Amino acid sequence: MLLLFMLSLNIMAQGKRQVNGHEYVDLGLSVKWATCNVGASRPSEFGDYYVWGETSAETLKSDVDAEEELINSIHPESGYDTARENWGGAWRLPTKEEFQELRDNCYWTWTTQGGQKGARVTSKKNGRSIFLPAEGYRDSFGRHVEDPLSYYWTSTLSEESSEYACSLGFTNREIIMGFFYRHDGFNVRPVID
């Protein structure tokens, strides 16, 4: 009993809580960030690759299929929110603004955790952190893990072209916020309000 109590105190000290069996960390930002990607069972696993708006892993479409089934927006109740459909509860994809907030209000340190390269993202506000593994992406030609780099989807569609959605990408040298072809397979890191 004492061990269980001490473990729960340690989790609370790190700012970790659970919703629907998935942990999150309060980084002192507008949303709380999950400790794992969708499809992963621990922070150092990269999880699954998802096409923007798809709820099953690694469904990569051709340009012809993409034109037939065009999703115009993702919100938690749309049925296209990868985080909500896989984890349930109040989990959802982060918006472009929420990833920008994570980028601007945290220190990003290239490191290795559990044998996986990635970024330790530490809040400038309260010192708590999450780990984002870098394991590339997938497209219709296969899996790409060069550099190493990683991309994470937001729920934000491009206003200029419906073929692109916003993603945060990073390597050991830079962090990129931009719009990428929405039918590529990227990782998903859920958030909760």
N, C-alpha and C. Protein backbone atom coordinates (compact mmCIF):
# COMPACT_ATOMS: atom_id res chain seq x y z
N MET A 1 0.82 -1.19 0.00
CA MET A 1 0.00 0.00 0.00
C MET A 1 0.87 1.26 0.00
N LEU A 2 1.92 1.25 0.82
CA LEU A 2 2.82 2.40 0.89
C LEU A 2 3.53 2.60 -0.45
N LEU A 3 3.94 1.52 -1.11
CA LEU A 3 4.59 1.61 -2.42
C LEU A 3 3.66 2.23 -3.46
N LEU A 4 2.40 1.81 -3.47
CA LEU A 4 1.41 2.36 -4.40
C LEU A 4 1.21 3.86 -4.15
N PHE A 5 1.15 4.25 -2.88
CA PHE A 5 0.99 5.65 -2.52
C PHE A 5 2.20 6.47 -3.00
N MET A 6 3.41 5.93 -2.81
CA MET A 6 4.62 6.64 -3.23
C MET A 6 4.70 6.75 -4.75
N LEU A 7 4.27 5.69 -5.47
CA LEU A 7 4.24 5.74 -6.93
C LEU A 7 3.28 6.82 -7.41
N SER A 8 2.10 6.91 -6.81
CA SER A 8 1.13 7.92 -7.22
C SER A 8 1.64 9.32 -6.91
N LEU A 9 2.36 9.51 -5.81
CA LEU A 9 2.97 10.82 -5.51
C LEU A 9 4.01 11.18 -6.55
N ASN A 10 4.82 10.21 -6.98
CA ASN A 10 5.84 10.44 -8.00
C ASN A 10 5.20 10.84 -9.32
N ILE A 11 4.13 10.16 -9.72
CA ILE A 11 3.43 10.50 -10.96
C ILE A 11 2.85 11.90 -10.87
N MET A 12 2.24 12.25 -9.72
CA MET A 12 1.67 13.59 -9.56
C MET A 12 2.76 14.65 -9.59
N ALA A 13 3.94 14.37 -9.02
CA ALA A 13 5.04 15.33 -9.02
C ALA A 13 5.52 15.61 -10.44
N GLN A 14 5.44 14.62 -11.32
CA GLN A 14 5.83 14.81 -12.70
C GLN A 14 4.72 15.44 -13.53
N GLY A 15 3.55 15.66 -12.93
CA GLY A 15 2.43 16.26 -13.64
C GLY A 15 1.67 15.29 -14.51
N LYS A 16 1.85 13.99 -14.30
CA LYS A 16 1.17 13.00 -15.14
C LYS A 16 -0.17 12.61 -14.55
N ARG A 17 -1.17 12.49 -15.42
CA ARG A 17 -2.49 12.02 -15.06
C ARG A 17 -2.94 11.07 -16.16
N GLN A 18 -4.09 10.41 -15.99
CA GLN A 18 -4.60 9.49 -17.01
C GLN A 18 -6.04 9.81 -17.38
N VAL A 19 -6.35 9.61 -18.66
CA VAL A 19 -7.72 9.66 -19.16
C VAL A 19 -7.87 8.49 -20.13
N ASN A 20 -8.86 7.65 -19.91
CA ASN A 20 -9.10 6.46 -20.74
C ASN A 20 -7.86 5.57 -20.86
N GLY A 21 -7.07 5.49 -19.80
CA GLY A 21 -5.89 4.63 -19.79
C GLY A 21 -4.66 5.21 -20.46
N HIS A 22 -4.70 6.48 -20.84
CA HIS A 22 -3.56 7.12 -21.49
C HIS A 22 -3.08 8.30 -20.65
N GLU A 23 -1.77 8.34 -20.39
CA GLU A 23 -1.20 9.40 -19.56
C GLU A 23 -1.02 10.70 -20.33
N TYR A 24 -1.10 11.79 -19.59
CA TYR A 24 -0.77 13.10 -20.16
C TYR A 24 0.06 13.87 -19.15
N VAL A 25 0.73 14.92 -19.65
CA VAL A 25 1.53 15.80 -18.81
C VAL A 25 1.03 17.23 -18.98
N ASP A 26 0.86 17.91 -17.87
CA ASP A 26 0.50 19.33 -17.89
C ASP A 26 1.79 20.13 -17.98
N LEU A 27 2.04 20.71 -19.14
CA LEU A 27 3.25 21.51 -19.37
C LEU A 27 3.02 22.99 -19.06
N GLY A 28 1.86 23.31 -18.51
CA GLY A 28 1.54 24.70 -18.20
C GLY A 28 1.08 25.48 -19.43
N LEU A 29 0.65 24.75 -20.46
CA LEU A 29 0.20 25.37 -21.71
C LEU A 29 -1.33 25.30 -21.79
N SER A 30 -1.91 25.69 -22.91
CA SER A 30 -3.37 25.73 -23.04
C SER A 30 -4.02 24.35 -23.08
N VAL A 31 -3.25 23.30 -23.44
CA VAL A 31 -3.75 21.92 -23.43
C VAL A 31 -2.71 21.03 -22.75
N LYS A 32 -3.15 19.84 -22.36
CA LYS A 32 -2.24 18.84 -21.79
C LYS A 32 -1.84 17.90 -22.90
N TRP A 33 -0.58 17.47 -22.88
CA TRP A 33 -0.03 16.63 -23.96
C TRP A 33 0.12 15.19 -23.51
N ALA A 34 -0.31 14.26 -24.36
CA ALA A 34 -0.16 12.83 -24.09
C ALA A 34 1.32 12.49 -23.99
N THR A 35 1.63 11.45 -23.22
CA THR A 35 3.02 11.01 -23.09
C THR A 35 3.44 10.06 -24.20
N CYS A 36 2.46 9.54 -24.98
CA CYS A 36 2.75 8.58 -26.06
C CYS A 36 2.03 8.98 -27.34
N ASN A 37 2.54 8.50 -28.45
CA ASN A 37 1.85 8.63 -29.73
C ASN A 37 0.73 7.61 -29.83
N VAL A 38 -0.24 7.86 -30.69
CA VAL A 38 -1.28 6.87 -30.97
C VAL A 38 -0.60 5.64 -31.59
N GLY A 39 -0.91 4.47 -31.06
CA GLY A 39 -0.31 3.23 -31.53
C GLY A 39 0.90 2.80 -30.73
N ALA A 40 1.33 3.63 -29.78
CA ALA A 40 2.49 3.31 -28.94
C ALA A 40 2.03 2.94 -27.54
N SER A 41 2.81 2.11 -26.86
CA SER A 41 2.47 1.74 -25.48
C SER A 41 3.39 2.40 -24.46
N ARG A 42 4.45 3.06 -24.95
CA ARG A 42 5.34 3.81 -24.05
C ARG A 42 5.94 4.98 -24.83
N PRO A 43 6.43 6.01 -24.12
CA PRO A 43 6.89 7.23 -24.78
C PRO A 43 7.97 7.05 -25.83
N SER A 44 8.84 6.05 -25.68
CA SER A 44 9.94 5.88 -26.63
C SER A 44 9.51 5.15 -27.91
N GLU A 45 8.30 4.62 -27.97
CA GLU A 45 7.80 3.98 -29.19
C GLU A 45 7.20 5.03 -30.10
N PHE A 46 7.45 4.92 -31.41
CA PHE A 46 6.92 5.94 -32.32
C PHE A 46 5.46 5.72 -32.66
N GLY A 47 4.91 4.53 -32.44
CA GLY A 47 3.50 4.28 -32.71
C GLY A 47 3.24 4.03 -34.18
N ASP A 48 2.04 4.42 -34.63
CA ASP A 48 1.62 4.17 -36.01
C ASP A 48 1.67 5.44 -36.85
N TYR A 49 1.69 5.24 -38.17
CA TYR A 49 1.60 6.36 -39.11
C TYR A 49 0.15 6.48 -39.57
N TYR A 50 -0.32 7.71 -39.64
CA TYR A 50 -1.70 7.96 -40.06
C TYR A 50 -1.74 9.00 -41.17
N VAL A 51 -2.61 8.75 -42.14
CA VAL A 51 -2.95 9.74 -43.15
C VAL A 51 -3.84 10.76 -42.45
N TRP A 52 -3.73 12.03 -42.82
CA TRP A 52 -4.55 13.07 -42.20
C TRP A 52 -6.04 12.75 -42.40
N GLY A 53 -6.78 12.66 -41.31
CA GLY A 53 -8.20 12.38 -41.39
C GLY A 53 -8.57 10.90 -41.40
N GLU A 54 -7.57 10.02 -41.36
CA GLU A 54 -7.83 8.58 -41.31
C GLU A 54 -7.71 8.10 -39.87
N THR A 55 -8.52 7.15 -39.50
CA THR A 55 -8.51 6.67 -38.13
C THR A 55 -7.89 5.28 -37.98
N SER A 56 -7.55 4.64 -39.10
CA SER A 56 -6.83 3.37 -39.02
C SER A 56 -5.41 3.59 -39.53
N ALA A 57 -4.48 2.87 -38.96
CA ALA A 57 -3.06 3.08 -39.24
C ALA A 57 -2.68 2.72 -40.67
N GLU A 58 -1.79 3.53 -41.21
CA GLU A 58 -1.11 3.27 -42.48
C GLU A 58 -2.04 3.07 -43.66
N THR A 59 -3.17 3.76 -43.70
CA THR A 59 -4.04 3.74 -44.87
C THR A 59 -3.55 4.81 -45.81
N LEU A 60 -2.76 4.44 -46.79
CA LEU A 60 -2.21 5.41 -47.73
C LEU A 60 -2.98 5.33 -49.03
N LYS A 61 -3.48 6.48 -49.47
CA LYS A 61 -4.35 6.52 -50.64
C LYS A 61 -3.61 7.05 -51.86
N SER A 62 -4.12 6.69 -53.01
CA SER A 62 -3.60 7.26 -54.25
C SER A 62 -4.27 8.62 -54.48
N ASP A 63 -3.73 9.41 -55.39
CA ASP A 63 -4.31 10.72 -55.69
C ASP A 63 -5.75 10.60 -56.16
N VAL A 64 -6.09 9.56 -56.92
CA VAL A 64 -7.45 9.38 -57.43
C VAL A 64 -8.41 9.15 -56.26
N ASP A 65 -8.04 8.25 -55.35
CA ASP A 65 -8.89 7.99 -54.18
C ASP A 65 -9.03 9.24 -53.33
N ALA A 66 -7.96 10.00 -53.20
CA ALA A 66 -7.96 11.19 -52.36
C ALA A 66 -8.96 12.21 -52.89
N GLU A 67 -9.07 12.35 -54.20
CA GLU A 67 -10.01 13.31 -54.77
C GLU A 67 -11.45 12.89 -54.51
N GLU A 68 -11.71 11.60 -54.47
CA GLU A 68 -13.07 11.12 -54.25
C GLU A 68 -13.54 11.32 -52.81
N GLU A 69 -12.63 11.24 -51.85
CA GLU A 69 -13.00 11.30 -50.44
C GLU A 69 -12.24 12.43 -49.76
N LEU A 70 -12.67 13.66 -49.98
CA LEU A 70 -11.98 14.82 -49.45
C LEU A 70 -12.60 15.26 -48.14
N ILE A 71 -11.84 15.21 -47.07
CA ILE A 71 -12.29 15.65 -45.76
C ILE A 71 -11.94 17.13 -45.64
N ASN A 72 -12.92 17.95 -45.34
CA ASN A 72 -12.70 19.39 -45.31
C ASN A 72 -12.31 19.93 -43.94
N SER A 73 -12.56 19.18 -42.88
CA SER A 73 -12.14 19.66 -41.56
C SER A 73 -12.10 18.48 -40.60
N ILE A 74 -11.29 18.65 -39.58
CA ILE A 74 -11.23 17.67 -38.50
C ILE A 74 -11.53 18.41 -37.21
N HIS A 75 -12.53 17.93 -36.51
CA HIS A 75 -12.80 18.38 -35.16
C HIS A 75 -13.16 17.12 -34.38
N PRO A 76 -13.12 17.15 -33.05
CA PRO A 76 -13.28 15.92 -32.28
C PRO A 76 -14.54 15.10 -32.59
N GLU A 77 -15.64 15.75 -32.97
CA GLU A 77 -16.87 15.02 -33.23
C GLU A 77 -17.05 14.66 -34.71
N SER A 78 -16.07 14.93 -35.55
CA SER A 78 -16.20 14.72 -37.00
C SER A 78 -16.14 13.25 -37.41
N GLY A 79 -15.58 12.39 -36.55
CA GLY A 79 -15.35 11.00 -36.94
C GLY A 79 -14.03 10.82 -37.67
N TYR A 80 -13.30 11.93 -37.91
CA TYR A 80 -12.02 11.88 -38.61
C TYR A 80 -10.83 12.24 -37.73
N ASP A 81 -11.09 12.51 -36.46
CA ASP A 81 -10.02 12.87 -35.54
C ASP A 81 -9.33 11.59 -35.07
N THR A 82 -8.12 11.36 -35.55
CA THR A 82 -7.38 10.12 -35.27
C THR A 82 -7.26 9.86 -33.78
N ALA A 83 -6.94 10.89 -33.01
CA ALA A 83 -6.77 10.73 -31.56
C ALA A 83 -8.08 10.33 -30.90
N ARG A 84 -9.15 11.05 -31.20
CA ARG A 84 -10.45 10.79 -30.58
C ARG A 84 -10.97 9.41 -30.95
N GLU A 85 -10.85 9.03 -32.21
CA GLU A 85 -11.40 7.75 -32.66
C GLU A 85 -10.62 6.56 -32.13
N ASN A 86 -9.32 6.73 -31.86
CA ASN A 86 -8.51 5.63 -31.34
C ASN A 86 -8.46 5.57 -29.82
N TRP A 87 -8.47 6.72 -29.15
CA TRP A 87 -8.32 6.76 -27.69
C TRP A 87 -9.61 7.08 -26.96
N GLY A 88 -10.60 7.63 -27.66
CA GLY A 88 -11.87 7.94 -27.02
C GLY A 88 -11.79 9.10 -26.04
N GLY A 89 -12.81 9.20 -25.21
CA GLY A 89 -12.85 10.26 -24.20
C GLY A 89 -12.75 11.63 -24.84
N ALA A 90 -11.98 12.50 -24.22
CA ALA A 90 -11.80 13.87 -24.70
C ALA A 90 -10.50 14.07 -25.47
N TRP A 91 -9.80 12.98 -25.79
CA TRP A 91 -8.56 13.09 -26.55
C TRP A 91 -8.86 13.62 -27.95
N ARG A 92 -7.93 14.39 -28.51
CA ARG A 92 -8.11 14.94 -29.85
C ARG A 92 -6.76 15.31 -30.45
N LEU A 93 -6.78 15.58 -31.77
CA LEU A 93 -5.59 16.10 -32.44
C LEU A 93 -5.33 17.53 -31.99
N PRO A 94 -4.07 17.90 -31.85
CA PRO A 94 -3.78 19.31 -31.55
C PRO A 94 -3.98 20.18 -32.79
N THR A 95 -4.26 21.45 -32.58
CA THR A 95 -4.37 22.40 -33.67
C THR A 95 -2.98 22.93 -34.03
N LYS A 96 -2.90 23.64 -35.13
CA LYS A 96 -1.65 24.29 -35.52
C LYS A 96 -1.18 25.23 -34.40
N GLU A 97 -2.11 25.99 -33.83
CA GLU A 97 -1.77 26.95 -32.79
C GLU A 97 -1.25 26.26 -31.53
N GLU A 98 -1.79 25.09 -31.21
CA GLU A 98 -1.33 24.37 -30.01
C GLU A 98 0.07 23.79 -30.22
N PHE A 99 0.38 23.31 -31.43
CA PHE A 99 1.75 22.86 -31.70
C PHE A 99 2.71 24.05 -31.73
N GLN A 100 2.25 25.19 -32.24
CA GLN A 100 3.08 26.39 -32.24
C GLN A 100 3.39 26.81 -30.80
N GLU A 101 2.40 26.72 -29.94
CA GLU A 101 2.58 27.03 -28.52
C GLU A 101 3.61 26.08 -27.90
N LEU A 102 3.53 24.79 -28.23
CA LEU A 102 4.50 23.81 -27.73
C LEU A 102 5.90 24.17 -28.22
N ARG A 103 5.99 24.54 -29.48
CA ARG A 103 7.28 24.91 -30.07
C ARG A 103 7.87 26.15 -29.39
N ASP A 104 7.03 27.16 -29.18
CA ASP A 104 7.52 28.44 -28.67
C ASP A 104 7.76 28.48 -27.17
N ASN A 105 7.09 27.61 -26.40
CA ASN A 105 7.14 27.69 -24.94
C ASN A 105 7.88 26.53 -24.29
N CYS A 106 8.64 25.79 -25.11
CA CYS A 106 9.40 24.66 -24.58
C CYS A 106 10.81 24.66 -25.14
N TYR A 107 11.72 24.07 -24.38
CA TYR A 107 13.08 23.82 -24.85
C TYR A 107 13.05 22.46 -25.56
N TRP A 108 13.64 22.40 -26.75
CA TRP A 108 13.69 21.16 -27.53
C TRP A 108 15.13 20.66 -27.51
N THR A 109 15.34 19.48 -26.92
CA THR A 109 16.67 18.90 -26.79
C THR A 109 16.71 17.55 -27.48
N TRP A 110 17.63 17.39 -28.43
CA TRP A 110 17.78 16.12 -29.13
C TRP A 110 18.42 15.13 -28.18
N THR A 111 17.81 13.94 -28.04
CA THR A 111 18.29 12.96 -27.08
C THR A 111 17.86 11.56 -27.51
N THR A 112 18.16 10.58 -26.69
CA THR A 112 17.71 9.21 -26.89
C THR A 112 16.99 8.75 -25.63
N GLN A 113 15.85 8.11 -25.82
CA GLN A 113 15.10 7.55 -24.69
C GLN A 113 14.66 6.15 -25.08
N GLY A 114 14.95 5.17 -24.23
CA GLY A 114 14.56 3.79 -24.53
C GLY A 114 15.13 3.29 -25.84
N GLY A 115 16.32 3.78 -26.22
CA GLY A 115 16.96 3.38 -27.47
C GLY A 115 16.44 4.11 -28.70
N GLN A 116 15.49 5.02 -28.54
CA GLN A 116 14.89 5.75 -29.66
C GLN A 116 15.35 7.21 -29.66
N LYS A 117 15.80 7.69 -30.82
CA LYS A 117 16.17 9.10 -30.95
C LYS A 117 14.92 9.96 -31.03
N GLY A 118 15.04 11.19 -30.55
CA GLY A 118 13.91 12.10 -30.60
C GLY A 118 14.18 13.37 -29.83
N ALA A 119 13.11 14.11 -29.54
CA ALA A 119 13.22 15.39 -28.86
C ALA A 119 12.61 15.32 -27.47
N ARG A 120 13.38 15.76 -26.48
CA ARG A 120 12.85 15.98 -25.14
C ARG A 120 12.32 17.40 -25.16
N VAL A 121 11.01 17.56 -24.97
CA VAL A 121 10.34 18.86 -25.04
C VAL A 121 10.00 19.27 -23.62
N THR A 122 10.73 20.27 -23.10
CA THR A 122 10.62 20.67 -21.70
C THR A 122 10.00 22.05 -21.58
N SER A 123 8.94 22.14 -20.79
CA SER A 123 8.23 23.40 -20.61
C SER A 123 9.10 24.47 -19.98
N LYS A 124 9.08 25.67 -20.56
CA LYS A 124 9.75 26.82 -19.97
C LYS A 124 8.96 27.34 -18.77
N LYS A 125 7.71 26.90 -18.63
CA LYS A 125 6.83 27.40 -17.58
C LYS A 125 6.93 26.60 -16.28
N ASN A 126 7.00 25.25 -16.39
CA ASN A 126 7.02 24.46 -15.16
C ASN A 126 8.08 23.35 -15.13
N GLY A 127 8.89 23.22 -16.18
CA GLY A 127 9.98 22.24 -16.18
C GLY A 127 9.57 20.82 -16.48
N ARG A 128 8.28 20.55 -16.67
CA ARG A 128 7.84 19.19 -17.01
C ARG A 128 8.10 18.95 -18.49
N SER A 129 8.15 17.66 -18.87
CA SER A 129 8.54 17.36 -20.25
C SER A 129 7.81 16.16 -20.82
N ILE A 130 7.85 16.09 -22.16
CA ILE A 130 7.40 14.92 -22.91
C ILE A 130 8.52 14.55 -23.88
N PHE A 131 8.48 13.34 -24.39
CA PHE A 131 9.44 12.88 -25.38
C PHE A 131 8.71 12.62 -26.68
N LEU A 132 9.21 13.20 -27.78
CA LEU A 132 8.64 12.96 -29.11
C LEU A 132 9.65 12.15 -29.92
N PRO A 133 9.37 10.86 -30.15
CA PRO A 133 10.31 10.05 -30.93
C PRO A 133 10.37 10.49 -32.39
N ALA A 134 11.53 10.36 -32.98
CA ALA A 134 11.74 10.71 -34.39
C ALA A 134 11.90 9.41 -35.17
N GLU A 135 10.90 9.08 -35.95
CA GLU A 135 10.94 7.82 -36.70
C GLU A 135 10.41 8.00 -38.11
N GLY A 136 10.63 9.17 -38.68
CA GLY A 136 10.32 9.37 -40.08
C GLY A 136 8.85 9.50 -40.40
N TYR A 137 8.49 9.03 -41.60
CA TYR A 137 7.12 9.10 -42.10
C TYR A 137 6.94 8.04 -43.18
N ARG A 138 5.69 7.89 -43.64
CA ARG A 138 5.39 6.96 -44.74
C ARG A 138 4.70 7.72 -45.85
N ASP A 139 4.95 7.30 -47.06
CA ASP A 139 4.17 7.79 -48.20
C ASP A 139 3.91 6.60 -49.12
N SER A 140 3.39 6.86 -50.29
CA SER A 140 3.05 5.75 -51.18
C SER A 140 4.27 4.97 -51.67
N PHE A 141 5.47 5.51 -51.46
CA PHE A 141 6.71 4.83 -51.85
C PHE A 141 7.30 4.00 -50.72
N GLY A 142 6.76 4.14 -49.51
CA GLY A 142 7.27 3.38 -48.37
C GLY A 142 7.61 4.25 -47.18
N ARG A 143 8.41 3.68 -46.30
CA ARG A 143 8.79 4.34 -45.05
C ARG A 143 10.10 5.09 -45.24
N HIS A 144 10.18 6.31 -44.70
CA HIS A 144 11.38 7.14 -44.80
C HIS A 144 11.86 7.49 -43.39
N VAL A 145 13.06 7.07 -43.06
CA VAL A 145 13.60 7.37 -41.73
C VAL A 145 14.97 8.02 -41.81
N GLU A 146 15.25 8.69 -42.92
CA GLU A 146 16.54 9.35 -43.05
C GLU A 146 16.61 10.58 -42.16
N ASP A 147 17.74 11.00 -41.82
CA ASP A 147 18.13 12.27 -41.18
C ASP A 147 18.36 12.23 -39.68
N PRO A 148 17.77 11.65 -38.75
CA PRO A 148 16.39 11.20 -38.59
C PRO A 148 15.45 12.40 -38.39
N LEU A 149 14.22 12.21 -38.75
CA LEU A 149 13.23 13.26 -38.64
C LEU A 149 11.89 12.65 -38.28
N SER A 150 10.95 13.49 -37.96
CA SER A 150 9.61 13.01 -37.71
C SER A 150 8.61 14.12 -37.95
N TYR A 151 7.40 13.73 -38.31
CA TYR A 151 6.32 14.68 -38.54
C TYR A 151 5.13 14.26 -37.68
N TYR A 152 4.43 15.26 -37.16
CA TYR A 152 3.24 15.04 -36.34
C TYR A 152 2.10 15.88 -36.89
N TRP A 153 0.94 15.23 -37.13
CA TRP A 153 -0.21 15.93 -37.69
C TRP A 153 -0.87 16.86 -36.69
N THR A 154 -1.41 17.96 -37.22
CA THR A 154 -2.34 18.81 -36.49
C THR A 154 -3.72 18.58 -37.10
N SER A 155 -4.74 19.20 -36.55
CA SER A 155 -6.09 19.10 -37.11
C SER A 155 -6.36 20.20 -38.13
N THR A 156 -5.35 21.01 -38.45
CA THR A 156 -5.53 22.20 -39.29
C THR A 156 -5.26 21.91 -40.77
N LEU A 157 -6.27 22.14 -41.58
CA LEU A 157 -6.17 21.99 -43.03
C LEU A 157 -5.67 23.30 -43.64
N SER A 158 -4.91 23.21 -44.72
CA SER A 158 -4.44 24.41 -45.42
C SER A 158 -5.61 25.20 -45.98
N GLU A 159 -5.56 26.52 -45.84
CA GLU A 159 -6.59 27.38 -46.42
C GLU A 159 -6.35 27.59 -47.92
N GLU A 160 -5.14 27.36 -48.39
CA GLU A 160 -4.79 27.59 -49.79
C GLU A 160 -5.07 26.39 -50.68
N SER A 161 -4.88 25.18 -50.15
CA SER A 161 -5.10 23.98 -50.94
C SER A 161 -5.56 22.85 -50.03
N SER A 162 -6.68 22.23 -50.37
CA SER A 162 -7.21 21.14 -49.55
C SER A 162 -6.38 19.87 -49.65
N GLU A 163 -5.33 19.88 -50.46
CA GLU A 163 -4.43 18.71 -50.55
C GLU A 163 -3.40 18.71 -49.43
N TYR A 164 -3.34 19.79 -48.63
CA TYR A 164 -2.31 19.91 -47.60
C TYR A 164 -2.90 20.20 -46.24
N ALA A 165 -2.25 19.67 -45.21
CA ALA A 165 -2.62 19.92 -43.83
C ALA A 165 -1.36 20.29 -43.06
N CYS A 166 -1.57 20.95 -41.93
CA CYS A 166 -0.43 21.43 -41.14
C CYS A 166 0.17 20.31 -40.30
N SER A 167 1.49 20.32 -40.24
CA SER A 167 2.22 19.36 -39.44
C SER A 167 3.42 20.04 -38.80
N LEU A 168 3.83 19.51 -37.67
CA LEU A 168 5.09 19.93 -37.07
C LEU A 168 6.11 18.85 -37.40
N GLY A 169 7.23 19.25 -37.95
CA GLY A 169 8.31 18.32 -38.24
C GLY A 169 9.56 18.76 -37.51
N PHE A 170 10.41 17.81 -37.17
CA PHE A 170 11.66 18.19 -36.51
C PHE A 170 12.76 17.18 -36.82
N THR A 171 13.98 17.68 -36.76
CA THR A 171 15.18 16.86 -36.86
C THR A 171 16.05 17.22 -35.66
N ASN A 172 17.27 16.73 -35.66
CA ASN A 172 18.19 17.10 -34.59
C ASN A 172 18.73 18.52 -34.75
N ARG A 173 18.36 19.21 -35.85
CA ARG A 173 18.85 20.56 -36.12
C ARG A 173 17.77 21.63 -36.18
N GLU A 174 16.50 21.24 -36.48
CA GLU A 174 15.48 22.26 -36.65
C GLU A 174 14.08 21.74 -36.36
N ILE A 175 13.18 22.70 -36.11
CA ILE A 175 11.76 22.42 -35.91
C ILE A 175 11.01 23.19 -36.99
N ILE A 176 10.14 22.49 -37.73
CA ILE A 176 9.46 23.08 -38.88
C ILE A 176 7.95 23.00 -38.67
N MET A 177 7.26 24.13 -38.80
CA MET A 177 5.80 24.13 -38.86
C MET A 177 5.45 24.44 -40.29
N GLY A 178 4.69 23.55 -40.94
CA GLY A 178 4.35 23.79 -42.33
C GLY A 178 3.21 22.92 -42.79
N PHE A 179 2.87 23.08 -44.06
CA PHE A 179 1.79 22.31 -44.65
C PHE A 179 2.38 21.24 -45.55
N PHE A 180 1.93 20.01 -45.35
CA PHE A 180 2.47 18.86 -46.05
C PHE A 180 1.33 18.10 -46.73
N TYR A 181 1.69 17.28 -47.71
CA TYR A 181 0.71 16.49 -48.43
C TYR A 181 -0.06 15.63 -47.45
N ARG A 182 -1.37 15.79 -47.39
CA ARG A 182 -2.17 15.17 -46.34
C ARG A 182 -2.35 13.67 -46.47
N HIS A 183 -1.90 13.08 -47.57
CA HIS A 183 -2.04 11.63 -47.73
C HIS A 183 -0.76 10.88 -47.40
N ASP A 184 0.22 11.59 -46.82
CA ASP A 184 1.40 10.93 -46.27
C ASP A 184 1.06 10.44 -44.86
N GLY A 185 1.80 9.46 -44.38
CA GLY A 185 1.56 8.90 -43.06
C GLY A 185 2.50 9.52 -42.03
N PHE A 186 1.93 10.25 -41.08
CA PHE A 186 2.69 10.90 -40.01
C PHE A 186 2.23 10.35 -38.66
N ASN A 187 2.98 10.65 -37.61
CA ASN A 187 2.60 10.28 -36.25
C ASN A 187 1.52 11.21 -35.72
N VAL A 188 0.85 10.76 -34.65
CA VAL A 188 -0.17 11.57 -33.99
C VAL A 188 0.12 11.59 -32.50
N ARG A 189 0.24 12.79 -31.93
CA ARG A 189 0.40 12.97 -30.49
C ARG A 189 -0.84 13.70 -29.97
N PRO A 190 -1.71 12.99 -29.26
CA PRO A 190 -2.96 13.58 -28.79
C PRO A 190 -2.77 14.65 -27.70
N VAL A 191 -3.81 15.47 -27.58
CA VAL A 191 -3.90 16.45 -26.50
C VAL A 191 -5.27 16.32 -25.85
N ILE A 192 -5.39 16.95 -24.68
CA ILE A 192 -6.66 16.98 -23.97
C ILE A 192 -6.79 18.35 -23.31
N ASP A 193 -8.00 18.89 -23.30
CA ASP A 193 -8.22 20.21 -22.71
C ASP A 193 -8.17 20.15 -21.18
